[in-house]
Amino acid sequence: MTDATFTLIEGARTVAMPEAQGFELVARAEAEGRPVALDRDEHAAYLGVAARERARALASLEAPDFTLPDLAGRLHSLAEHRGKKVLLVAYASW
């Protein structure tokens, strides 16, 4: 009998692995204090970033770079505006 496939999502990376190995990594992440979203029925889990890593990023007060299109479709990245004040307006249609 073969081990079921387990999907582990960590950041932007998705990895398929044997189920036993997946549950082992989930247990290790929980022991390290990382947030974990586990769906046993779907054989999948998402591992979040540890609180101290999130705190370190917040303490830097520097937003991560991202790129978004304007209404004309022209791309703008946050890095283009470093050192300037930027107002970002976001909404959801749902």
PDB file of N, CA and C in Angstrom:
ATOM      1  N   MET A   1       0.839  -1.181   0.000  1.00  0.00           N
ATOM      2  CA  MET A   1       0.000   0.000   0.000  1.00  0.00           C
ATOM      3  C   MET A   1       0.888   1.250   0.000  1.00  0.00           C
ATOM      4  N   THR A   2       0.612   2.186  -0.898  1.00  0.00           N
ATOM      5  CA  THR A   2       1.428   3.389  -0.983  1.00  0.00           C
ATOM      6  C   THR A   2       0.848   4.483  -0.103  1.00  0.00           C
ATOM      7  N   ASP A   3       1.722   5.355   0.307  1.00  0.00           N
ATOM      8  CA  ASP A   3       1.334   6.489   1.138  1.00  0.00           C
ATOM      9  C   ASP A   3       0.575   7.500   0.280  1.00  0.00           C
ATOM     10  N   ALA A   4      -0.488   8.095   0.810  1.00  0.00           N
ATOM     11  CA  ALA A   4      -1.248   9.115   0.091  1.00  0.00           C
ATOM     12  C   ALA A   4      -0.388  10.352  -0.119  1.00  0.00           C
ATOM     13  N   THR A   5      -0.701  11.098  -1.157  1.00  0.00           N
ATOM     14  CA  THR A   5       0.026  12.330  -1.441  1.00  0.00           C
ATOM     15  C   THR A   5      -0.505  13.455  -0.544  1.00  0.00           C
ATOM     16  N   PHE A   6       0.403  14.258  -0.049  1.00  0.00           N
ATOM     17  CA  PHE A   6       0.095  15.379   0.833  1.00  0.00           C
ATOM     18  C   PHE A   6       0.627  16.639   0.170  1.00  0.00           C
ATOM     19  N   THR A   7      -0.183  17.705   0.136  1.00  0.00           N
ATOM     20  CA  THR A   7       0.239  18.970  -0.458  1.00  0.00           C
ATOM     21  C   THR A   7       0.578  19.953   0.654  1.00  0.00           C
ATOM     22  N   LEU A   8       1.783  20.485   0.600  1.00  0.00           N
ATOM     23  CA  LEU A   8       2.247  21.451   1.591  1.00  0.00           C
ATOM     24  C   LEU A   8       2.484  22.776   0.878  1.00  0.00           C
ATOM     25  N   ILE A   9       1.863  23.837   1.390  1.00  0.00           N
ATOM     26  CA  ILE A   9       2.015  25.169   0.818  1.00  0.00           C
ATOM     27  C   ILE A   9       2.753  26.014   1.838  1.00  0.00           C
ATOM     28  N   GLU A  10       3.860  26.593   1.415  1.00  0.00           N
ATOM     29  CA  GLU A  10       4.682  27.427   2.299  1.00  0.00           C
ATOM     30  C   GLU A  10       5.114  28.643   1.503  1.00  0.00           C
ATOM     31  N   GLY A  11       4.547  29.806   1.849  1.00  0.00           N
ATOM     32  CA  GLY A  11       4.823  31.003   1.070  1.00  0.00           C
ATOM     33  C   GLY A  11       4.253  30.830  -0.330  1.00  0.00           C
ATOM     34  N   ALA A  12       5.071  31.027  -1.337  1.00  0.00           N
ATOM     35  CA  ALA A  12       4.632  30.874  -2.726  1.00  0.00           C
ATOM     36  C   ALA A  12       4.984  29.500  -3.277  1.00  0.00           C
ATOM     37  N   ARG A  13       5.464  28.607  -2.430  1.00  0.00           N
ATOM     38  CA  ARG A  13       5.933  27.288  -2.875  1.00  0.00           C
ATOM     39  C   ARG A  13       4.930  26.213  -2.499  1.00  0.00           C
ATOM     40  N   THR A  14       4.595  25.350  -3.457  1.00  0.00           N
ATOM     41  CA  THR A  14       3.709  24.217  -3.217  1.00  0.00           C
ATOM     42  C   THR A  14       4.480  22.942  -3.507  1.00  0.00           C
ATOM     43  N   VAL A  15       4.445  22.006  -2.564  1.00  0.00           N
ATOM     44  CA  VAL A  15       5.199  20.764  -2.696  1.00  0.00           C
ATOM     45  C   VAL A  15       4.284  19.583  -2.403  1.00  0.00           C
ATOM     46  N   ALA A  16       4.336  18.564  -3.263  1.00  0.00           N
ATOM     47  CA  ALA A  16       3.619  17.313  -3.014  1.00  0.00           C
ATOM     48  C   ALA A  16       4.611  16.329  -2.419  1.00  0.00           C
ATOM     49  N   MET A  17       4.163  15.594  -1.393  1.00  0.00           N
ATOM     50  CA  MET A  17       5.048  14.662  -0.699  1.00  0.00           C
ATOM     51  C   MET A  17       4.207  13.537  -0.111  1.00  0.00           C
ATOM     52  N   PRO A  18       4.845  12.485   0.387  1.00  0.00           N
ATOM     53  CA  PRO A  18       4.081  11.441   1.073  1.00  0.00           C
ATOM     54  C   PRO A  18       3.378  12.015   2.299  1.00  0.00           C
ATOM     55  N   GLU A  19       2.197  11.497   2.584  1.00  0.00           N
ATOM     56  CA  GLU A  19       1.382  12.015   3.676  1.00  0.00           C
ATOM     57  C   GLU A  19       2.108  12.017   5.021  1.00  0.00           C
ATOM     58  N   ALA A  20       2.810  10.946   5.336  1.00  0.00           N
ATOM     59  CA  ALA A  20       3.511  10.865   6.625  1.00  0.00           C
ATOM     60  C   ALA A  20       4.534  11.982   6.763  1.00  0.00           C
ATOM     61  N   GLN A  21       5.259  12.253   5.693  1.00  0.00           N
ATOM     62  CA  GLN A  21       6.261  13.327   5.717  1.00  0.00           C
ATOM     63  C   GLN A  21       5.574  14.687   5.886  1.00  0.00           C
ATOM     64  N   GLY A  22       4.436  14.882   5.233  1.00  0.00           N
ATOM     65  CA  GLY A  22       3.695  16.139   5.346  1.00  0.00           C
ATOM     66  C   GLY A  22       3.233  16.395   6.769  1.00  0.00           C
ATOM     67  N   PHE A  23       2.656  15.355   7.405  1.00  0.00           N
ATOM     68  CA  PHE A  23       2.197  15.523   8.785  1.00  0.00           C
ATOM     69  C   PHE A  23       3.365  15.769   9.734  1.00  0.00           C
ATOM     70  N   GLU A  24       4.514  15.181   9.438  1.00  0.00           N
ATOM     71  CA  GLU A  24       5.706  15.407  10.256  1.00  0.00           C
ATOM     72  C   GLU A  24       6.154  16.867  10.161  1.00  0.00           C
ATOM     73  N   LEU A  25       6.159  17.425   8.944  1.00  0.00           N
ATOM     74  CA  LEU A  25       6.554  18.827   8.761  1.00  0.00           C
ATOM     75  C   LEU A  25       5.545  19.770   9.419  1.00  0.00           C
ATOM     76  N   VAL A  26       4.257  19.427   9.365  1.00  0.00           N
ATOM     77  CA  VAL A  26       3.230  20.238  10.018  1.00  0.00           C
ATOM     78  C   VAL A  26       3.462  20.250  11.527  1.00  0.00           C
ATOM     79  N   ALA A  27       3.733  19.082  12.100  1.00  0.00           N
ATOM     80  CA  ALA A  27       3.983  18.997  13.547  1.00  0.00           C
ATOM     81  C   ALA A  27       5.214  19.806  13.934  1.00  0.00           C
ATOM     82  N   ARG A  28       6.254  19.749  13.119  1.00  0.00           N
ATOM     83  CA  ARG A  28       7.470  20.515  13.397  1.00  0.00           C
ATOM     84  C   ARG A  28       7.191  22.021  13.338  1.00  0.00           C
ATOM     85  N   ALA A  29       6.413  22.451  12.342  1.00  0.00           N
ATOM     86  CA  ALA A  29       6.085  23.875  12.213  1.00  0.00           C
ATOM     87  C   ALA A  29       5.275  24.350  13.416  1.00  0.00           C
ATOM     88  N   GLU A  30       4.317  23.534  13.854  1.00  0.00           N
ATOM     89  CA  GLU A  30       3.524  23.904  15.036  1.00  0.00           C
ATOM     90  C   GLU A  30       4.406  24.010  16.282  1.00  0.00           C
ATOM     91  N   ALA A  31       5.364  23.097  16.420  1.00  0.00           N
ATOM     92  CA  ALA A  31       6.279  23.118  17.563  1.00  0.00           C
ATOM     93  C   ALA A  31       7.155  24.373  17.548  1.00  0.00           C
ATOM     94  N   GLU A  32       7.437  24.892  16.353  1.00  0.00           N
ATOM     95  CA  GLU A  32       8.239  26.118  16.211  1.00  0.00           C
ATOM     96  C   GLU A  32       7.398  27.375  16.410  1.00  0.00           C
ATOM     97  N   GLY A  33       6.089  27.214  16.633  1.00  0.00           N
ATOM     98  CA  GLY A  33       5.223  28.366  16.858  1.00  0.00           C
ATOM     99  C   GLY A  33       4.715  29.015  15.583  1.00  0.00           C
ATOM    100  N   ARG A  34       4.819  28.303  14.469  1.00  0.00           N
ATOM    101  CA  ARG A  34       4.331  28.853  13.205  1.00  0.00           C
ATOM    102  C   ARG A  34       2.843  28.571  13.068  1.00  0.00           C
ATOM    103  N   PRO A  35       2.073  29.502  12.507  1.00  0.00           N
ATOM    104  CA  PRO A  35       0.660  29.222  12.276  1.00  0.00           C
ATOM    105  C   PRO A  35       0.502  28.173  11.185  1.00  0.00           C
ATOM    106  N   VAL A  36      -0.440  27.265  11.368  1.00  0.00           N
ATOM    107  CA  VAL A  36      -0.659  26.169  10.425  1.00  0.00           C
ATOM    108  C   VAL A  36      -2.145  26.054  10.140  1.00  0.00           C
ATOM    109  N   ALA A  37      -2.511  25.940   8.866  1.00  0.00           N
ATOM    110  CA  ALA A  37      -3.887  25.627   8.465  1.00  0.00           C
ATOM    111  C   ALA A  37      -3.835  24.239   7.854  1.00  0.00           C
ATOM    112  N   LEU A  38      -4.482  23.278   8.514  1.00  0.00           N
ATOM    113  CA  LEU A  38      -4.404  21.882   8.093  1.00  0.00           C
ATOM    114  C   LEU A  38      -5.785  21.373   7.712  1.00  0.00           C
ATOM    115  N   ASP A  39      -5.894  20.749   6.546  1.00  0.00           N
ATOM    116  CA  ASP A  39      -7.133  20.098   6.115  1.00  0.00           C
ATOM    117  C   ASP A  39      -6.824  18.620   5.922  1.00  0.00           C
ATOM    118  N   ARG A  40      -7.135  17.812   6.931  1.00  0.00           N
ATOM    119  CA  ARG A  40      -6.825  16.369   6.878  1.00  0.00           C
ATOM    120  C   ARG A  40      -7.588  15.668   5.765  1.00  0.00           C
ATOM    121  N   ASP A  41      -8.825  16.064   5.527  1.00  0.00           N
ATOM    122  CA  ASP A  41      -9.622  15.420   4.475  1.00  0.00           C
ATOM    123  C   ASP A  41      -9.039  15.639   3.085  1.00  0.00           C
ATOM    124  N   GLU A  42      -8.470  16.820   2.858  1.00  0.00           N
ATOM    125  CA  GLU A  42      -7.882  17.150   1.547  1.00  0.00           C
ATOM    126  C   GLU A  42      -6.395  16.833   1.480  1.00  0.00           C
ATOM    127  N   HIS A  43      -5.821  16.366   2.585  1.00  0.00           N
ATOM    128  CA  HIS A  43      -4.386  16.043   2.642  1.00  0.00           C
ATOM    129  C   HIS A  43      -3.548  17.257   2.232  1.00  0.00           C
ATOM    130  N   ALA A  44      -3.840  18.392   2.860  1.00  0.00           N
ATOM    131  CA  ALA A  44      -3.144  19.623   2.511  1.00  0.00           C
ATOM    132  C   ALA A  44      -2.954  20.495   3.747  1.00  0.00           C
ATOM    133  N   ALA A  45      -1.890  21.295   3.723  1.00  0.00           N
ATOM    134  CA  ALA A  45      -1.626  22.231   4.819  1.00  0.00           C
ATOM    135  C   ALA A  45      -0.919  23.462   4.290  1.00  0.00           C
ATOM    136  N   TYR A  46      -1.168  24.583   4.956  1.00  0.00           N
ATOM    137  CA  TYR A  46      -0.460  25.831   4.674  1.00  0.00           C
ATOM    138  C   TYR A  46       0.335  26.185   5.920  1.00  0.00           C
ATOM    139  N   LEU A  47       1.622  26.457   5.735  1.00  0.00           N
ATOM    140  CA  LEU A  47       2.484  26.850   6.854  1.00  0.00           C
ATOM    141  C   LEU A  47       2.722  28.347   6.778  1.00  0.00           C
ATOM    142  N   GLY A  48       2.373  29.047   7.843  1.00  0.00           N
ATOM    143  CA  GLY A  48       2.587  30.486   7.898  1.00  0.00           C
ATOM    144  C   GLY A  48       3.973  30.839   8.406  1.00  0.00           C
ATOM    145  N   VAL A  49       4.247  32.107   8.425  1.00  0.00           N
ATOM    146  CA  VAL A  49       5.540  32.624   8.879  1.00  0.00           C
ATOM    147  C   VAL A  49       5.510  32.765  10.396  1.00  0.00           C
ATOM    148  N   ALA A  50       6.599  32.437  11.039  1.00  0.00           N
ATOM    149  CA  ALA A  50       6.696  32.529  12.497  1.00  0.00           C
ATOM    150  C   ALA A  50       6.478  33.970  12.965  1.00  0.00           C
ATOM    151  N   ALA A  51       5.925  34.114  14.146  1.00  0.00           N
ATOM    152  CA  ALA A  51       5.612  35.435  14.696  1.00  0.00           C
ATOM    153  C   ALA A  51       6.846  36.328  14.782  1.00  0.00           C
ATOM    154  N   ARG A  52       7.982  35.765  15.172  1.00  0.00           N
ATOM    155  CA  ARG A  52       9.183  36.617  15.296  1.00  0.00           C
ATOM    156  C   ARG A  52       9.653  37.124  13.930  1.00  0.00           C
ATOM    157  N   GLU A  53       9.448  36.334  12.868  1.00  0.00           N
ATOM    158  CA  GLU A  53       9.799  36.796  11.522  1.00  0.00           C
ATOM    159  C   GLU A  53       8.855  37.911  11.080  1.00  0.00           C
ATOM    160  N   ARG A  54       7.555  37.753  11.373  1.00  0.00           N
ATOM    161  CA  ARG A  54       6.591  38.812  11.037  1.00  0.00           C
ATOM    162  C   ARG A  54       6.917  40.074  11.821  1.00  0.00           C
ATOM    163  N   ALA A  55       7.273  39.931  13.098  1.00  0.00           N
ATOM    164  CA  ALA A  55       7.604  41.090  13.929  1.00  0.00           C
ATOM    165  C   ALA A  55       8.836  41.815  13.403  1.00  0.00           C
ATOM    166  N   ARG A  56       9.825  41.042  12.953  1.00  0.00           N
ATOM    167  CA  ARG A  56      11.043  41.646  12.396  1.00  0.00           C
ATOM    168  C   ARG A  56      10.715  42.458  11.144  1.00  0.00           C
ATOM    169  N   ALA A  57       9.851  41.923  10.273  1.00  0.00           N
ATOM    170  CA  ALA A  57       9.467  42.635   9.055  1.00  0.00           C
ATOM    171  C   ALA A  57       8.685  43.903   9.399  1.00  0.00           C
ATOM    172  N   LEU A  58       7.794  43.820  10.380  1.00  0.00           N
ATOM    173  CA  LEU A  58       7.023  44.998  10.775  1.00  0.00           C
ATOM    174  C   LEU A  58       7.912  46.057  11.421  1.00  0.00           C
ATOM    175  N   ALA A  59       8.895  45.621  12.187  1.00  0.00           N
ATOM    176  CA  ALA A  59       9.786  46.567  12.865  1.00  0.00           C
ATOM    177  C   ALA A  59      10.601  47.387  11.878  1.00  0.00           C
ATOM    178  N   SER A  60      10.854  46.834  10.697  1.00  0.00           N
ATOM    179  CA  SER A  60      11.640  47.570   9.709  1.00  0.00           C
ATOM    180  C   SER A  60      10.847  48.732   9.126  1.00  0.00           C
ATOM    181  N   LEU A  61       9.518  48.698   9.263  1.00  0.00           N
ATOM    182  CA  LEU A  61       8.619  49.725   8.736  1.00  0.00           C
ATOM    183  C   LEU A  61       8.775  49.902   7.225  1.00  0.00           C
ATOM    184  N   GLU A  62       9.259  48.900   6.543  1.00  0.00           N
ATOM    185  CA  GLU A  62       9.405  48.969   5.096  1.00  0.00           C
ATOM    186  C   GLU A  62       8.449  47.974   4.451  1.00  0.00           C
ATOM    187  N   ALA A  63       7.589  48.485   3.594  1.00  0.00           N
ATOM    188  CA  ALA A  63       6.621  47.626   2.910  1.00  0.00           C
ATOM    189  C   ALA A  63       7.344  46.764   1.870  1.00  0.00           C
ATOM    190  N   PRO A  64       6.907  45.535   1.698  1.00  0.00           N
ATOM    191  CA  PRO A  64       7.516  44.697   0.668  1.00  0.00           C
ATOM    192  C   PRO A  64       7.181  45.245  -0.716  1.00  0.00           C
ATOM    193  N   ASP A  65       8.063  45.048  -1.657  1.00  0.00           N
ATOM    194  CA  ASP A  65       7.828  45.539  -3.009  1.00  0.00           C
ATOM    195  C   ASP A  65       6.718  44.729  -3.673  1.00  0.00           C
ATOM    196  N   PHE A  66       5.921  45.405  -4.477  1.00  0.00           N
ATOM    197  CA  PHE A  66       4.904  44.744  -5.290  1.00  0.00           C
ATOM    198  C   PHE A  66       4.672  45.592  -6.524  1.00  0.00           C
ATOM    199  N   THR A  67       4.064  45.007  -7.539  1.00  0.00           N
ATOM    200  CA  THR A  67       3.780  45.700  -8.787  1.00  0.00           C
ATOM    201  C   THR A  67       2.310  45.530  -9.116  1.00  0.00           C
ATOM    202  N   LEU A  68       1.647  46.640  -9.439  1.00  0.00           N
ATOM    203  CA  LEU A  68       0.228  46.622  -9.789  1.00  0.00           C
ATOM    204  C   LEU A  68      -0.007  47.495 -11.018  1.00  0.00           C
ATOM    205  N   PRO A  69      -1.026  47.161 -11.829  1.00  0.00           N
ATOM    206  CA  PRO A  69      -1.339  48.005 -12.987  1.00  0.00           C
ATOM    207  C   PRO A  69      -2.258  49.160 -12.584  1.00  0.00           C
ATOM    208  N   ASP A  70      -2.139  50.296 -13.308  1.00  0.00           N
ATOM    209  CA  ASP A  70      -3.097  51.378 -13.114  1.00  0.00           C
ATOM    210  C   ASP A  70      -4.282  51.135 -14.046  1.00  0.00           C
ATOM    211  N   LEU A  71      -5.212  52.066 -14.106  1.00  0.00           N
ATOM    212  CA  LEU A  71      -6.410  51.865 -14.928  1.00  0.00           C
ATOM    213  C   LEU A  71      -6.095  51.774 -16.418  1.00  0.00           C
ATOM    214  N   ALA A  72      -4.966  52.331 -16.830  1.00  0.00           N
ATOM    215  CA  ALA A  72      -4.561  52.262 -18.237  1.00  0.00           C
ATOM    216  C   ALA A  72      -3.756  50.991 -18.530  1.00  0.00           C
ATOM    217  N   GLY A  73      -3.508  50.188 -17.506  1.00  0.00           N
ATOM    218  CA  GLY A  73      -2.763  48.949 -17.689  1.00  0.00           C
ATOM    219  C   GLY A  73      -1.260  49.093 -17.531  1.00  0.00           C
ATOM    220  N   ARG A  74      -0.775  50.310 -17.246  1.00  0.00           N
ATOM    221  CA  ARG A  74       0.654  50.548 -17.045  1.00  0.00           C
ATOM    222  C   ARG A  74       1.060  50.041 -15.666  1.00  0.00           C
ATOM    223  N   LEU A  75       2.151  49.286 -15.591  1.00  0.00           N
ATOM    224  CA  LEU A  75       2.603  48.713 -14.322  1.00  0.00           C
ATOM    225  C   LEU A  75       3.385  49.721 -13.487  1.00  0.00           C
ATOM    226  N   HIS A  76       3.139  49.687 -12.191  1.00  0.00           N
ATOM    227  CA  HIS A  76       3.853  50.535 -11.229  1.00  0.00           C
ATOM    228  C   HIS A  76       4.307  49.643 -10.089  1.00  0.00           C
ATOM    229  N   SER A  77       5.552  49.802  -9.673  1.00  0.00           N
ATOM    230  CA  SER A  77       6.028  49.032  -8.520  1.00  0.00           C
ATOM    231  C   SER A  77       6.292  49.993  -7.367  1.00  0.00           C
ATOM    232  N   LEU A  78       6.164  49.483  -6.177  1.00  0.00           N
ATOM    233  CA  LEU A  78       6.391  50.309  -5.001  1.00  0.00           C
ATOM    234  C   LEU A  78       7.838  50.793  -4.959  1.00  0.00           C
ATOM    235  N   ALA A  79       8.763  49.983  -5.437  1.00  0.00           N
ATOM    236  CA  ALA A  79      10.180  50.354  -5.426  1.00  0.00           C
ATOM    237  C   ALA A  79      10.442  51.642  -6.219  1.00  0.00           C
ATOM    238  N   GLU A  80       9.634  51.905  -7.234  1.00  0.00           N
ATOM    239  CA  GLU A  80       9.792  53.146  -8.026  1.00  0.00           C
ATOM    240  C   GLU A  80       9.533  54.386  -7.182  1.00  0.00           C
ATOM    241  N   HIS A  81       8.793  54.219  -6.100  1.00  0.00           N
ATOM    242  CA  HIS A  81       8.370  55.355  -5.293  1.00  0.00           C
ATOM    243  C   HIS A  81       9.036  55.398  -3.924  1.00  0.00           C
ATOM    244  N   ARG A  82      10.111  54.660  -3.720  1.00  0.00           N
ATOM    245  CA  ARG A  82      10.804  54.667  -2.423  1.00  0.00           C
ATOM    246  C   ARG A  82      11.214  56.093  -2.080  1.00  0.00           C
ATOM    247  N   GLY A  83      10.994  56.461  -0.835  1.00  0.00           N
ATOM    248  CA  GLY A  83      11.353  57.790  -0.370  1.00  0.00           C
ATOM    249  C   GLY A  83      10.244  58.814  -0.567  1.00  0.00           C
ATOM    250  N   LYS A  84       9.167  58.435  -1.251  1.00  0.00           N
ATOM    251  CA  LYS A  84       8.039  59.339  -1.477  1.00  0.00           C
ATOM    252  C   LYS A  84       6.837  58.807  -0.706  1.00  0.00           C
ATOM    253  N   LYS A  85       5.918  59.707  -0.404  1.00  0.00           N
ATOM    254  CA  LYS A  85       4.672  59.269   0.221  1.00  0.00           C
ATOM    255  C   LYS A  85       3.771  58.702  -0.872  1.00  0.00           C
ATOM    256  N   VAL A  86       3.147  57.555  -0.566  1.00  0.00           N
ATOM    257  CA  VAL A  86       2.280  56.876  -1.537  1.00  0.00           C
ATOM    258  C   VAL A  86       0.952  56.575  -0.860  1.00  0.00           C
ATOM    259  N   LEU A  87      -0.133  56.894  -1.533  1.00  0.00           N
ATOM    260  CA  LEU A  87      -1.454  56.531  -1.049  1.00  0.00           C
ATOM    261  C   LEU A  87      -1.964  55.396  -1.934  1.00  0.00           C
ATOM    262  N   LEU A  88      -2.247  54.277  -1.328  1.00  0.00           N
ATOM    263  CA  LEU A  88      -2.743  53.117  -2.045  1.00  0.00           C
ATOM    264  C   LEU A  88      -4.197  52.910  -1.642  1.00  0.00           C
ATOM    265  N   VAL A  89      -5.092  52.964  -2.629  1.00  0.00           N
ATOM    266  CA  VAL A  89      -6.509  52.759  -2.379  1.00  0.00           C
ATOM    267  C   VAL A  89      -6.890  51.407  -2.937  1.00  0.00           C
ATOM    268  N   ALA A  90      -7.488  50.575  -2.114  1.00  0.00           N
ATOM    269  CA  ALA A  90      -7.882  49.238  -2.550  1.00  0.00           C
ATOM    270  C   ALA A  90      -9.320  48.983  -2.127  1.00  0.00           C
ATOM    271  N   TYR A  91     -10.011  48.206  -2.926  1.00  0.00           N
ATOM    272  CA  TYR A  91     -11.372  47.809  -2.569  1.00  0.00           C
ATOM    273  C   TYR A  91     -11.633  46.426  -3.159  1.00  0.00           C
ATOM    274  N   ALA A  92     -12.672  45.809  -2.691  1.00  0.00           N
ATOM    275  CA  ALA A  92     -13.085  44.522  -3.231  1.00  0.00           C
ATOM    276  C   ALA A  92     -14.524  44.638  -3.719  1.00  0.00           C
ATOM    277  N   SER A  93     -14.814  44.031  -4.851  1.00  0.00           N
ATOM    278  CA  SER A  93     -16.158  44.122  -5.410  1.00  0.00           C
ATOM    279  C   SER A  93     -17.107  43.125  -4.776  1.00  0.00           C
ATOM    280  N   TRP A  94     -16.608  42.216  -3.984  1.00  0.00           N
ATOM    281  CA  TRP A  94     -17.473  41.232  -3.366  1.00  0.00           C
ATOM    282  C   TRP A  94     -17.960  41.751  -2.060  1.00  0.00           C
TER     283      TRP A  94
END
